[in-house]
Amino acid sequence: MYNLSIRSVKNKTELHIIYLGGISVSIFEALMLLSFGAAWPFSIHKSYVSRSIEGKSPFFLIILIFGYVAGILHKLFYQYDQVIYLYILNLLMVSVDFLLYLRNSRLAKVHRKISQPII
């Protein structure tokens, strides 16, 4: 069970969900992470099936991994709540997509090497 509450923290109004046991999470932070997280399974599936690196940027994926690690550290050291599990889930999915990028780039190199004509 949970209650929806609006509270003021440091002169800011925040919308929180209060679960039994007194755990409070920001509903907007949770919705943001759920929205981002909903896209990753599709990206992972496309990377796995296509075996292509087209449209993928390893730099972008590394930035996302860094951002999720920063979010997890913030939750651990400053504002621990249940949203940390969404950060961890998203970090795992982005990491899988990055590993698939590495696999697919290796496959592309092997394919190019095999496809070269023998002179």
PDB file of N, CA and C in Angstrom:
ATOM      1  N   MET A   1       0.830  -1.184   0.000  1.00  0.00           N
ATOM      2  CA  MET A   1       0.000   0.000   0.000  1.00  0.00           C
ATOM      3  C   MET A   1       0.868   1.239   0.000  1.00  0.00           C
ATOM      4  N   TYR A   2       0.313   2.315  -0.482  1.00  0.00           N
ATOM      5  CA  TYR A   2       1.079   3.553  -0.535  1.00  0.00           C
ATOM      6  C   TYR A   2       0.144   4.745  -0.443  1.00  0.00           C
ATOM      7  N   ASN A   3       0.724   5.888  -0.103  1.00  0.00           N
ATOM      8  CA  ASN A   3       0.032   7.164  -0.080  1.00  0.00           C
ATOM      9  C   ASN A   3       0.760   8.110  -1.011  1.00  0.00           C
ATOM     10  N   LEU A   4       0.014   8.982  -1.651  1.00  0.00           N
ATOM     11  CA  LEU A   4       0.602  10.012  -2.482  1.00  0.00           C
ATOM     12  C   LEU A   4       0.677  11.267  -1.630  1.00  0.00           C
ATOM     13  N   SER A   5       1.849  11.901  -1.572  1.00  0.00           N
ATOM     14  CA  SER A   5       1.957  13.099  -0.748  1.00  0.00           C
ATOM     15  C   SER A   5       2.696  14.187  -1.503  1.00  0.00           C
ATOM     16  N   ILE A   6       2.370  15.396  -1.157  1.00  0.00           N
ATOM     17  CA  ILE A   6       3.076  16.563  -1.669  1.00  0.00           C
ATOM     18  C   ILE A   6       3.749  17.182  -0.459  1.00  0.00           C
ATOM     19  N   ARG A   7       5.072  17.374  -0.554  1.00  0.00           N
ATOM     20  CA  ARG A   7       5.780  17.935   0.586  1.00  0.00           C
ATOM     21  C   ARG A   7       6.749  18.993   0.106  1.00  0.00           C
ATOM     22  N   SER A   8       7.103  19.867   1.004  1.00  0.00           N
ATOM     23  CA  SER A   8       8.028  20.942   0.711  1.00  0.00           C
ATOM     24  C   SER A   8       9.383  20.602   1.313  1.00  0.00           C
ATOM     25  N   VAL A   9      10.400  20.613   0.479  1.00  0.00           N
ATOM     26  CA  VAL A   9      11.760  20.339   0.923  1.00  0.00           C
ATOM     27  C   VAL A   9      12.644  21.480   0.439  1.00  0.00           C
ATOM     28  N   LYS A  10      13.266  22.184   1.371  1.00  0.00           N
ATOM     29  CA  LYS A  10      14.157  23.303   1.033  1.00  0.00           C
ATOM     30  C   LYS A  10      13.460  24.278   0.092  1.00  0.00           C
ATOM     31  N   ASN A  11      12.271  24.698   0.448  1.00  0.00           N
ATOM     32  CA  ASN A  11      11.466  25.660  -0.317  1.00  0.00           C
ATOM     33  C   ASN A  11      11.077  25.168  -1.700  1.00  0.00           C
ATOM     34  N   LYS A  12      11.119  23.857  -1.921  1.00  0.00           N
ATOM     35  CA  LYS A  12      10.653  23.274  -3.181  1.00  0.00           C
ATOM     36  C   LYS A  12       9.525  22.305  -2.860  1.00  0.00           C
ATOM     37  N   THR A  13       8.511  22.302  -3.689  1.00  0.00           N
ATOM     38  CA  THR A  13       7.418  21.362  -3.522  1.00  0.00           C
ATOM     39  C   THR A  13       7.709  20.141  -4.368  1.00  0.00           C
ATOM     40  N   GLU A  14       7.622  18.965  -3.762  1.00  0.00           N
ATOM     41  CA  GLU A  14       7.889  17.716  -4.457  1.00  0.00           C
ATOM     42  C   GLU A  14       6.712  16.774  -4.286  1.00  0.00           C
ATOM     43  N   LEU A  15       6.434  16.002  -5.322  1.00  0.00           N
ATOM     44  CA  LEU A  15       5.393  14.992  -5.283  1.00  0.00           C
ATOM     45  C   LEU A  15       6.052  13.652  -5.021  1.00  0.00           C
ATOM     46  N   HIS A  16       5.651  12.997  -3.947  1.00  0.00           N
ATOM     47  CA  HIS A  16       6.267  11.735  -3.550  1.00  0.00           C
ATOM     48  C   HIS A  16       5.202  10.669  -3.337  1.00  0.00           C
ATOM     49  N   ILE A  17       5.628   9.431  -3.496  1.00  0.00           N
ATOM     50  CA  ILE A  17       4.798   8.294  -3.112  1.00  0.00           C
ATOM     51  C   ILE A  17       5.390   7.759  -1.819  1.00  0.00           C
ATOM     52  N   ILE A  18       4.578   7.627  -0.797  1.00  0.00           N
ATOM     53  CA  ILE A  18       5.033   7.091   0.483  1.00  0.00           C
ATOM     54  C   ILE A  18       4.520   5.658   0.589  1.00  0.00           C
ATOM     55  N   TYR A  19       5.439   4.704   0.631  1.00  0.00           N
ATOM     56  CA  TYR A  19       5.084   3.302   0.773  1.00  0.00           C
ATOM     57  C   TYR A  19       4.978   2.947   2.248  1.00  0.00           C
ATOM     58  N   LEU A  20       4.335   1.823   2.530  1.00  0.00           N
ATOM     59  CA  LEU A  20       4.324   1.330   3.904  1.00  0.00           C
ATOM     60  C   LEU A  20       5.759   1.146   4.359  1.00  0.00           C
ATOM     61  N   GLY A  21       6.039   1.493   5.544  1.00  0.00           N
ATOM     62  CA  GLY A  21       7.403   1.441   6.036  1.00  0.00           C
ATOM     63  C   GLY A  21       8.075   2.794   5.936  1.00  0.00           C
ATOM     64  N   GLY A  22       7.381   3.783   5.381  1.00  0.00           N
ATOM     65  CA  GLY A  22       7.896   5.145   5.355  1.00  0.00           C
ATOM     66  C   GLY A  22       8.870   5.462   4.240  1.00  0.00           C
ATOM     67  N   ILE A  23       9.024   4.585   3.265  1.00  0.00           N
ATOM     68  CA  ILE A  23       9.952   4.844   2.169  1.00  0.00           C
ATOM     69  C   ILE A  23       9.294   5.817   1.201  1.00  0.00           C
ATOM     70  N   SER A  24      10.006   6.887   0.880  1.00  0.00           N
ATOM     71  CA  SER A  24       9.490   7.924   0.004  1.00  0.00           C
ATOM     72  C   SER A  24      10.294   7.951  -1.288  1.00  0.00           C
ATOM     73  N   VAL A  25       9.625   7.985  -2.424  1.00  0.00           N
ATOM     74  CA  VAL A  25      10.303   8.104  -3.713  1.00  0.00           C
ATOM     75  C   VAL A  25       9.642   9.214  -4.523  1.00  0.00           C
ATOM     76  N   SER A  26      10.450   9.886  -5.334  1.00  0.00           N
ATOM     77  CA  SER A  26       9.926  10.916  -6.213  1.00  0.00           C
ATOM     78  C   SER A  26       9.210  10.248  -7.381  1.00  0.00           C
ATOM     79  N   ILE A  27       7.962  10.582  -7.557  1.00  0.00           N
ATOM     80  CA  ILE A  27       7.180   9.966  -8.631  1.00  0.00           C
ATOM     81  C   ILE A  27       7.717  10.370  -9.998  1.00  0.00           C
ATOM     82  N   PHE A  28       8.213  11.597 -10.130  1.00  0.00           N
ATOM     83  CA  PHE A  28       8.709  12.046 -11.423  1.00  0.00           C
ATOM     84  C   PHE A  28      10.031  11.384 -11.784  1.00  0.00           C
ATOM     85  N   GLU A  29      10.892  11.190 -10.796  1.00  0.00           N
ATOM     86  CA  GLU A  29      12.154  10.484 -11.044  1.00  0.00           C
ATOM     87  C   GLU A  29      11.874   9.036 -11.444  1.00  0.00           C
ATOM     88  N   ALA A  30      10.940   8.402 -10.754  1.00  0.00           N
ATOM     89  CA  ALA A  30      10.586   7.021 -11.077  1.00  0.00           C
ATOM     90  C   ALA A  30       9.988   6.925 -12.481  1.00  0.00           C
ATOM     91  N   LEU A  31       9.111   7.853 -12.843  1.00  0.00           N
ATOM     92  CA  LEU A  31       8.515   7.845 -14.186  1.00  0.00           C
ATOM     93  C   LEU A  31       9.561   8.076 -15.269  1.00  0.00           C
ATOM     94  N   MET A  32      10.520   8.972 -15.007  1.00  0.00           N
ATOM     95  CA  MET A  32      11.587   9.219 -15.974  1.00  0.00           C
ATOM     96  C   MET A  32      12.394   7.940 -16.208  1.00  0.00           C
ATOM     97  N   LEU A  33      12.780   7.270 -15.126  1.00  0.00           N
ATOM     98  CA  LEU A  33      13.585   6.056 -15.263  1.00  0.00           C
ATOM     99  C   LEU A  33      12.799   4.921 -15.895  1.00  0.00           C
ATOM    100  N   LEU A  34      11.509   4.833 -15.595  1.00  0.00           N
ATOM    101  CA  LEU A  34      10.670   3.816 -16.244  1.00  0.00           C
ATOM    102  C   LEU A  34      10.549   4.088 -17.740  1.00  0.00           C
ATOM    103  N   SER A  35      10.417   5.361 -18.106  1.00  0.00           N
ATOM    104  CA  SER A  35      10.313   5.713 -19.528  1.00  0.00           C
ATOM    105  C   SER A  35      11.598   5.379 -20.267  1.00  0.00           C
ATOM    106  N   PHE A  36      12.740   5.760 -19.695  1.00  0.00           N
ATOM    107  CA  PHE A  36      14.012   5.420 -20.325  1.00  0.00           C
ATOM    108  C   PHE A  36      14.180   3.913 -20.393  1.00  0.00           C
ATOM    109  N   GLY A  37      13.847   3.252 -19.309  1.00  0.00           N
ATOM    110  CA  GLY A  37      14.011   1.804 -19.234  1.00  0.00           C
ATOM    111  C   GLY A  37      13.135   1.046 -20.208  1.00  0.00           C
ATOM    112  N   ALA A  38      11.996   1.611 -20.576  1.00  0.00           N
ATOM    113  CA  ALA A  38      11.092   0.930 -21.506  1.00  0.00           C
ATOM    114  C   ALA A  38      11.694   0.823 -22.905  1.00  0.00           C
ATOM    115  N   ALA A  39      12.594   1.728 -23.260  1.00  0.00           N
ATOM    116  CA  ALA A  39      13.172   1.728 -24.599  1.00  0.00           C
ATOM    117  C   ALA A  39      14.322   0.731 -24.748  1.00  0.00           C
ATOM    118  N   TRP A  40      15.025   0.428 -23.669  1.00  0.00           N
ATOM    119  CA  TRP A  40      16.227  -0.396 -23.788  1.00  0.00           C
ATOM    120  C   TRP A  40      15.986  -1.823 -24.250  1.00  0.00           C
ATOM    121  N   PRO A  41      14.944  -2.508 -23.820  1.00  0.00           N
ATOM    122  CA  PRO A  41      14.745  -3.869 -24.342  1.00  0.00           C
ATOM    123  C   PRO A  41      14.614  -3.908 -25.866  1.00  0.00           C
ATOM    124  N   PHE A  42      13.975  -2.903 -26.455  1.00  0.00           N
ATOM    125  CA  PHE A  42      13.840  -2.851 -27.912  1.00  0.00           C
ATOM    126  C   PHE A  42      15.200  -2.623 -28.577  1.00  0.00           C
ATOM    127  N   SER A  43      15.992  -1.740 -27.988  1.00  0.00           N
ATOM    128  CA  SER A  43      17.326  -1.470 -28.522  1.00  0.00           C
ATOM    129  C   SER A  43      18.217  -2.707 -28.415  1.00  0.00           C
ATOM    130  N   ILE A  44      18.143  -3.399 -27.284  1.00  0.00           N
ATOM    131  CA  ILE A  44      18.929  -4.617 -27.087  1.00  0.00           C
ATOM    132  C   ILE A  44      18.517  -5.682 -28.099  1.00  0.00           C
ATOM    133  N   HIS A  45      17.220  -5.861 -28.283  1.00  0.00           N
ATOM    134  CA  HIS A  45      16.727  -6.851 -29.238  1.00  0.00           C
ATOM    135  C   HIS A  45      17.197  -6.531 -30.650  1.00  0.00           C
ATOM    136  N   LYS A  46      17.101  -5.260 -31.030  1.00  0.00           N
ATOM    137  CA  LYS A  46      17.532  -4.856 -32.373  1.00  0.00           C
ATOM    138  C   LYS A  46      19.030  -5.100 -32.555  1.00  0.00           C
ATOM    139  N   SER A  47      19.829  -4.768 -31.545  1.00  0.00           N
ATOM    140  CA  SER A  47      21.276  -4.993 -31.630  1.00  0.00           C
ATOM    141  C   SER A  47      21.598  -6.477 -31.732  1.00  0.00           C
ATOM    142  N   TYR A  48      20.894  -7.277 -30.983  1.00  0.00           N
ATOM    143  CA  TYR A  48      21.149  -8.717 -30.966  1.00  0.00           C
ATOM    144  C   TYR A  48      20.782  -9.363 -32.300  1.00  0.00           C
ATOM    145  N   VAL A  49      19.612  -9.026 -32.811  1.00  0.00           N
ATOM    146  CA  VAL A  49      19.108  -9.655 -34.029  1.00  0.00           C
ATOM    147  C   VAL A  49      19.820  -9.131 -35.276  1.00  0.00           C
ATOM    148  N   SER A  50      20.044  -7.836 -35.360  1.00  0.00           N
ATOM    149  CA  SER A  50      20.620  -7.255 -36.579  1.00  0.00           C
ATOM    150  C   SER A  50      22.109  -7.546 -36.721  1.00  0.00           C
ATOM    151  N   ARG A  51      22.800  -7.734 -35.607  1.00  0.00           N
ATOM    152  CA  ARG A  51      24.249  -7.966 -35.607  1.00  0.00           C
ATOM    153  C   ARG A  51      24.973  -6.831 -36.314  1.00  0.00           C
ATOM    154  N   SER A  52      24.418  -5.636 -36.197  1.00  0.00           N
ATOM    155  CA  SER A  52      24.958  -4.463 -36.875  1.00  0.00           C
ATOM    156  C   SER A  52      25.226  -3.361 -35.852  1.00  0.00           C
ATOM    157  N   ILE A  53      26.184  -2.486 -36.183  1.00  0.00           N
ATOM    158  CA  ILE A  53      26.467  -1.340 -35.330  1.00  0.00           C
ATOM    159  C   ILE A  53      25.881  -0.055 -35.913  1.00  0.00           C
ATOM    160  N   GLU A  54      25.117  -0.183 -36.981  1.00  0.00           N
ATOM    161  CA  GLU A  54      24.495   0.976 -37.607  1.00  0.00           C
ATOM    162  C   GLU A  54      23.603   1.708 -36.609  1.00  0.00           C
ATOM    163  N   GLY A  55      23.792   3.009 -36.523  1.00  0.00           N
ATOM    164  CA  GLY A  55      22.962   3.829 -35.655  1.00  0.00           C
ATOM    165  C   GLY A  55      23.351   3.790 -34.187  1.00  0.00           C
ATOM    166  N   LYS A  56      24.415   3.100 -33.853  1.00  0.00           N
ATOM    167  CA  LYS A  56      24.866   3.010 -32.460  1.00  0.00           C
ATOM    168  C   LYS A  56      26.094   3.873 -32.260  1.00  0.00           C
ATOM    169  N   SER A  57      26.175   4.510 -31.108  1.00  0.00           N
ATOM    170  CA  SER A  57      27.338   5.302 -30.756  1.00  0.00           C
ATOM    171  C   SER A  57      27.897   4.789 -29.438  1.00  0.00           C
ATOM    172  N   PRO A  58      29.094   4.225 -29.457  1.00  0.00           N
ATOM    173  CA  PRO A  58      29.663   3.737 -28.199  1.00  0.00           C
ATOM    174  C   PRO A  58      29.907   4.877 -27.217  1.00  0.00           C
ATOM    175  N   PHE A  59      30.258   6.055 -27.723  1.00  0.00           N
ATOM    176  CA  PHE A  59      30.468   7.215 -26.858  1.00  0.00           C
ATOM    177  C   PHE A  59      29.184   7.570 -26.111  1.00  0.00           C
ATOM    178  N   PHE A  60      28.058   7.564 -26.811  1.00  0.00           N
ATOM    179  CA  PHE A  60      26.760   7.855 -26.193  1.00  0.00           C
ATOM    180  C   PHE A  60      26.429   6.819 -25.120  1.00  0.00           C
ATOM    181  N   LEU A  61      26.654   5.545 -25.411  1.00  0.00           N
ATOM    182  CA  LEU A  61      26.366   4.490 -24.443  1.00  0.00           C
ATOM    183  C   LEU A  61      27.244   4.623 -23.200  1.00  0.00           C
ATOM    184  N   ILE A  62      28.508   4.999 -23.386  1.00  0.00           N
ATOM    185  CA  ILE A  62      29.403   5.187 -22.245  1.00  0.00           C
ATOM    186  C   ILE A  62      28.947   6.375 -21.396  1.00  0.00           C
ATOM    187  N   ILE A  63      28.490   7.441 -22.031  1.00  0.00           N
ATOM    188  CA  ILE A  63      27.968   8.590 -21.284  1.00  0.00           C
ATOM    189  C   ILE A  63      26.751   8.169 -20.456  1.00  0.00           C
ATOM    190  N   LEU A  64      25.868   7.367 -21.050  1.00  0.00           N
ATOM    191  CA  LEU A  64      24.696   6.891 -20.311  1.00  0.00           C
ATOM    192  C   LEU A  64      25.108   6.008 -19.130  1.00  0.00           C
ATOM    193  N   ILE A  65      26.068   5.130 -19.342  1.00  0.00           N
ATOM    194  CA  ILE A  65      26.552   4.271 -18.257  1.00  0.00           C
ATOM    195  C   ILE A  65      27.101   5.135 -17.127  1.00  0.00           C
ATOM    196  N   PHE A  66      27.906   6.140 -17.474  1.00  0.00           N
ATOM    197  CA  PHE A  66      28.449   7.057 -16.470  1.00  0.00           C
ATOM    198  C   PHE A  66      27.323   7.764 -15.712  1.00  0.00           C
ATOM    199  N   GLY A  67      26.302   8.210 -16.440  1.00  0.00           N
ATOM    200  CA  GLY A  67      25.176   8.900 -15.805  1.00  0.00           C
ATOM    201  C   GLY A  67      24.415   8.009 -14.838  1.00  0.00           C
ATOM    202  N   TYR A  68      24.166   6.764 -15.223  1.00  0.00           N
ATOM    203  CA  TYR A  68      23.463   5.851 -14.326  1.00  0.00           C
ATOM    204  C   TYR A  68      24.315   5.504 -13.104  1.00  0.00           C
ATOM    205  N   VAL A  69      25.625   5.363 -13.283  1.00  0.00           N
ATOM    206  CA  VAL A  69      26.507   5.115 -12.130  1.00  0.00           C
ATOM    207  C   VAL A  69      26.459   6.314 -11.186  1.00  0.00           C
ATOM    208  N   ALA A  70      26.473   7.523 -11.740  1.00  0.00           N
ATOM    209  CA  ALA A  70      26.374   8.729 -10.910  1.00  0.00           C
ATOM    210  C   ALA A  70      25.047   8.768 -10.149  1.00  0.00           C
ATOM    211  N   GLY A  71      23.966   8.399 -10.822  1.00  0.00           N
ATOM    212  CA  GLY A  71      22.663   8.358 -10.155  1.00  0.00           C
ATOM    213  C   GLY A  71      22.625   7.339  -9.025  1.00  0.00           C
ATOM    214  N   ILE A  72      23.235   6.186  -9.246  1.00  0.00           N
ATOM    215  CA  ILE A  72      23.289   5.151  -8.205  1.00  0.00           C
ATOM    216  C   ILE A  72      24.106   5.641  -7.017  1.00  0.00           C
ATOM    217  N   LEU A  73      25.256   6.267  -7.289  1.00  0.00           N
ATOM    218  CA  LEU A  73      26.079   6.788  -6.198  1.00  0.00           C
ATOM    219  C   LEU A  73      25.342   7.870  -5.407  1.00  0.00           C
ATOM    220  N   HIS A  74      24.606   8.720  -6.112  1.00  0.00           N
ATOM    221  CA  HIS A  74      23.809   9.742  -5.421  1.00  0.00           C
ATOM    222  C   HIS A  74      22.778   9.092  -4.499  1.00  0.00           C
ATOM    223  N   LYS A  75      22.115   8.058  -5.006  1.00  0.00           N
ATOM    224  CA  LYS A  75      21.114   7.367  -4.182  1.00  0.00           C
ATOM    225  C   LYS A  75      21.768   6.688  -2.976  1.00  0.00           C
ATOM    226  N   LEU A  76      22.943   6.127  -3.162  1.00  0.00           N
ATOM    227  CA  LEU A  76      23.620   5.437  -2.064  1.00  0.00           C
ATOM    228  C   LEU A  76      24.098   6.401  -0.982  1.00  0.00           C
ATOM    229  N   PHE A  77      24.640   7.551  -1.389  1.00  0.00           N
ATOM    230  CA  PHE A  77      25.275   8.441  -0.428  1.00  0.00           C
ATOM    231  C   PHE A  77      24.409   9.592   0.069  1.00  0.00           C
ATOM    232  N   TYR A  78      23.379   9.993  -0.705  1.00  0.00           N
ATOM    233  CA  TYR A  78      22.636  11.190  -0.319  1.00  0.00           C
ATOM    234  C   TYR A  78      21.138  11.001  -0.154  1.00  0.00           C
ATOM    235  N   GLN A  79      20.521  10.173  -0.955  1.00  0.00           N
ATOM    236  CA  GLN A  79      19.060  10.098  -0.936  1.00  0.00           C
ATOM    237  C   GLN A  79      18.607   8.686  -1.275  1.00  0.00           C
ATOM    238  N   TYR A  80      18.930   7.739  -0.412  1.00  0.00           N
ATOM    239  CA  TYR A  80      18.600   6.343  -0.694  1.00  0.00           C
ATOM    240  C   TYR A  80      17.092   6.149  -0.690  1.00  0.00           C
ATOM    241  N   ASP A  81      16.573   5.552  -1.755  1.00  0.00           N
ATOM    242  CA  ASP A  81      15.178   5.116  -1.820  1.00  0.00           C
ATOM    243  C   ASP A  81      15.076   4.006  -2.861  1.00  0.00           C
ATOM    244  N   GLN A  82      13.874   3.525  -3.087  1.00  0.00           N
ATOM    245  CA  GLN A  82      13.651   2.371  -3.954  1.00  0.00           C
ATOM    246  C   GLN A  82      13.941   2.643  -5.425  1.00  0.00           C
ATOM    247  N   VAL A  83      14.056   3.907  -5.805  1.00  0.00           N
ATOM    248  CA  VAL A  83      14.332   4.262  -7.196  1.00  0.00           C
ATOM    249  C   VAL A  83      15.722   3.767  -7.618  1.00  0.00           C
ATOM    250  N   ILE A  84      16.581   3.496  -6.655  1.00  0.00           N
ATOM    251  CA  ILE A  84      17.921   2.999  -6.972  1.00  0.00           C
ATOM    252  C   ILE A  84      17.851   1.731  -7.822  1.00  0.00           C
ATOM    253  N   TYR A  85      16.810   0.922  -7.608  1.00  0.00           N
ATOM    254  CA  TYR A  85      16.676  -0.317  -8.379  1.00  0.00           C
ATOM    255  C   TYR A  85      16.375  -0.032  -9.846  1.00  0.00           C
ATOM    256  N   LEU A  86      15.687   1.061 -10.132  1.00  0.00           N
ATOM    257  CA  LEU A  86      15.459   1.445 -11.527  1.00  0.00           C
ATOM    258  C   LEU A  86      16.763   1.910 -12.174  1.00  0.00           C
ATOM    259  N   TYR A  87      17.578   2.645 -11.411  1.00  0.00           N
ATOM    260  CA  TYR A  87      18.894   3.041 -11.927  1.00  0.00           C
ATOM    261  C   TYR A  87      19.736   1.801 -12.245  1.00  0.00           C
ATOM    262  N   ILE A  88      19.732   0.832 -11.336  1.00  0.00           N
ATOM    263  CA  ILE A  88      20.518  -0.387 -11.538  1.00  0.00           C
ATOM    264  C   ILE A  88      20.020  -1.162 -12.748  1.00  0.00           C
ATOM    265  N   LEU A  89      18.699  -1.294 -12.878  1.00  0.00           N
ATOM    266  CA  LEU A  89      18.123  -2.004 -14.027  1.00  0.00           C
ATOM    267  C   LEU A  89      18.509  -1.313 -15.339  1.00  0.00           C
ATOM    268  N   ASN A  90      18.373   0.014 -15.381  1.00  0.00           N
ATOM    269  CA  ASN A  90      18.739   0.744 -16.597  1.00  0.00           C
ATOM    270  C   ASN A  90      20.229   0.622 -16.888  1.00  0.00           C
ATOM    271  N   LEU A  91      21.070   0.683 -15.846  1.00  0.00           N
ATOM    272  CA  LEU A  91      22.509   0.508 -16.036  1.00  0.00           C
ATOM    273  C   LEU A  91      22.818  -0.855 -16.641  1.00  0.00           C
ATOM    274  N   LEU A  92      22.157  -1.894 -16.155  1.00  0.00           N
ATOM    275  CA  LEU A  92      22.378  -3.236 -16.697  1.00  0.00           C
ATOM    276  C   LEU A  92      21.969  -3.320 -18.159  1.00  0.00           C
ATOM    277  N   MET A  93      20.830  -2.720 -18.498  1.00  0.00           N
ATOM    278  CA  MET A  93      20.361  -2.784 -19.888  1.00  0.00           C
ATOM    279  C   MET A  93      21.273  -2.007 -20.826  1.00  0.00           C
ATOM    280  N   VAL A  94      21.735  -0.826 -20.410  1.00  0.00           N
ATOM    281  CA  VAL A  94      22.648  -0.054 -21.256  1.00  0.00           C
ATOM    282  C   VAL A  94      23.971  -0.800 -21.405  1.00  0.00           C
ATOM    283  N   SER A  95      24.423  -1.429 -20.334  1.00  0.00           N
ATOM    284  CA  SER A  95      25.666  -2.201 -20.393  1.00  0.00           C
ATOM    285  C   SER A  95      25.547  -3.382 -21.354  1.00  0.00           C
ATOM    286  N   VAL A  96      24.402  -4.053 -21.347  1.00  0.00           N
ATOM    287  CA  VAL A  96      24.176  -5.157 -22.292  1.00  0.00           C
ATOM    288  C   VAL A  96      24.198  -4.624 -23.718  1.00  0.00           C
ATOM    289  N   ASP A  97      23.562  -3.474 -23.951  1.00  0.00           N
ATOM    290  CA  ASP A  97      23.558  -2.890 -25.291  1.00  0.00           C
ATOM    291  C   ASP A  97      24.980  -2.523 -25.712  1.00  0.00           C
ATOM    292  N   PHE A  98      25.784  -2.010 -24.779  1.00  0.00           N
ATOM    293  CA  PHE A  98      27.177  -1.679 -25.090  1.00  0.00           C
ATOM    294  C   PHE A  98      27.976  -2.940 -25.416  1.00  0.00           C
ATOM    295  N   LEU A  99      27.774  -4.000 -24.647  1.00  0.00           N
ATOM    296  CA  LEU A  99      28.467  -5.264 -24.936  1.00  0.00           C
ATOM    297  C   LEU A  99      28.054  -5.826 -26.291  1.00  0.00           C
ATOM    298  N   LEU A 100      26.779  -5.683 -26.634  1.00  0.00           N
ATOM    299  CA  LEU A 100      26.329  -6.105 -27.965  1.00  0.00           C
ATOM    300  C   LEU A 100      26.976  -5.252 -29.054  1.00  0.00           C
ATOM    301  N   TYR A 101      27.170  -3.974 -28.783  1.00  0.00           N
ATOM    302  CA  TYR A 101      27.871  -3.118 -29.742  1.00  0.00           C
ATOM    303  C   TYR A 101      29.288  -3.652 -29.982  1.00  0.00           C
ATOM    304  N   LEU A 102      29.985  -3.995 -28.894  1.00  0.00           N
ATOM    305  CA  LEU A 102      31.342  -4.535 -29.031  1.00  0.00           C
ATOM    306  C   LEU A 102      31.335  -5.835 -29.824  1.00  0.00           C
ATOM    307  N   ARG A 103      30.370  -6.718 -29.518  1.00  0.00           N
ATOM    308  CA  ARG A 103      30.262  -7.979 -30.262  1.00  0.00           C
ATOM    309  C   ARG A 103      30.003  -7.715 -31.742  1.00  0.00           C
ATOM    310  N   ASN A 104      29.058  -6.828 -32.017  1.00  0.00           N
ATOM    311  CA  ASN A 104      28.683  -6.553 -33.404  1.00  0.00           C
ATOM    312  C   ASN A 104      29.805  -5.878 -34.184  1.00  0.00           C
ATOM    313  N   SER A 105      30.585  -5.033 -33.519  1.00  0.00           N
ATOM    314  CA  SER A 105      31.705  -4.403 -34.227  1.00  0.00           C
ATOM    315  C   SER A 105      32.777  -5.439 -34.546  1.00  0.00           C
ATOM    316  N   ARG A 106      32.984  -6.402 -33.643  1.00  0.00           N
ATOM    317  CA  ARG A 106      33.925  -7.491 -33.907  1.00  0.00           C
ATOM    318  C   ARG A 106      33.423  -8.353 -35.064  1.00  0.00           C
ATOM    319  N   LEU A 107      32.126  -8.644 -35.083  1.00  0.00           N
ATOM    320  CA  LEU A 107      31.550  -9.416 -36.190  1.00  0.00           C
ATOM    321  C   LEU A 107      31.699  -8.682 -37.519  1.00  0.00           C
ATOM    322  N   ALA A 108      31.545  -7.360 -37.498  1.00  0.00           N
ATOM    323  CA  ALA A 108      31.683  -6.572 -38.729  1.00  0.00           C
ATOM    324  C   ALA A 108      33.115  -6.628 -39.246  1.00  0.00           C
ATOM    325  N   LYS A 109      34.096  -6.587 -38.335  1.00  0.00           N
ATOM    326  CA  LYS A 109      35.499  -6.681 -38.759  1.00  0.00           C
ATOM    327  C   LYS A 109      35.793  -8.044 -39.380  1.00  0.00           C
ATOM    328  N   VAL A 110      35.293  -9.102 -38.759  1.00  0.00           N
ATOM    329  CA  VAL A 110      35.494 -10.453 -39.291  1.00  0.00           C
ATOM    330  C   VAL A 110      34.830 -10.573 -40.658  1.00  0.00           C
ATOM    331  N   HIS A 111      33.630 -10.024 -40.794  1.00  0.00           N
ATOM    332  CA  HIS A 111      32.905 -10.088 -42.064  1.00  0.00           C
ATOM    333  C   HIS A 111      33.658  -9.339 -43.161  1.00  0.00           C
ATOM    334  N   ARG A 112      34.207  -8.151 -42.821  1.00  0.00           N
ATOM    335  CA  ARG A 112      34.974  -7.395 -43.811  1.00  0.00           C
ATOM    336  C   ARG A 112      36.229  -8.154 -44.222  1.00  0.00           C
ATOM    337  N   LYS A 113      36.863  -8.809 -43.258  1.00  0.00           N
ATOM    338  CA  LYS A 113      38.087  -9.560 -43.560  1.00  0.00           C
ATOM    339  C   LYS A 113      37.785 -10.751 -44.463  1.00  0.00           C
ATOM    340  N   ILE A 114      36.697 -11.435 -44.194  1.00  0.00           N
ATOM    341  CA  ILE A 114      36.299 -12.595 -45.001  1.00  0.00           C
ATOM    342  C   ILE A 114      35.867 -12.149 -46.397  1.00  0.00           C
ATOM    343  N   SER A 115      35.236 -10.988 -46.488  1.00  0.00           N
ATOM    344  CA  SER A 115      34.699 -10.507 -47.766  1.00  0.00           C
ATOM    345  C   SER A 115      35.755  -9.915 -48.691  1.00  0.00           C
ATOM    346  N   GLN A 116      36.971  -9.691 -48.200  1.00  0.00           N
ATOM    347  CA  GLN A 116      37.997  -9.108 -49.056  1.00  0.00           C
ATOM    348  C   GLN A 116      38.395 -10.123 -50.133  1.00  0.00           C
ATOM    349  N   PRO A 117      38.532  -9.623 -51.347  1.00  0.00           N
ATOM    350  CA  PRO A 117      38.934 -10.530 -52.434  1.00  0.00           C
ATOM    351  C   PRO A 117      40.389 -10.981 -52.271  1.00  0.00           C
ATOM    352  N   ILE A 118      40.635 -12.187 -52.653  1.00  0.00           N
ATOM    353  CA  ILE A 118      41.995 -12.739 -52.609  1.00  0.00           C
ATOM    354  C   ILE A 118      42.666 -12.462 -53.935  1.00  0.00           C
ATOM    355  N   ILE A 119      43.822 -11.837 -53.881  1.00  0.00           N
ATOM    356  CA  ILE A 119      44.530 -11.456 -55.109  1.00  0.00           C
ATOM    357  C   ILE A 119      45.702 -12.372 -55.335  1.00  0.00           C
TER     358      ILE A 119
END
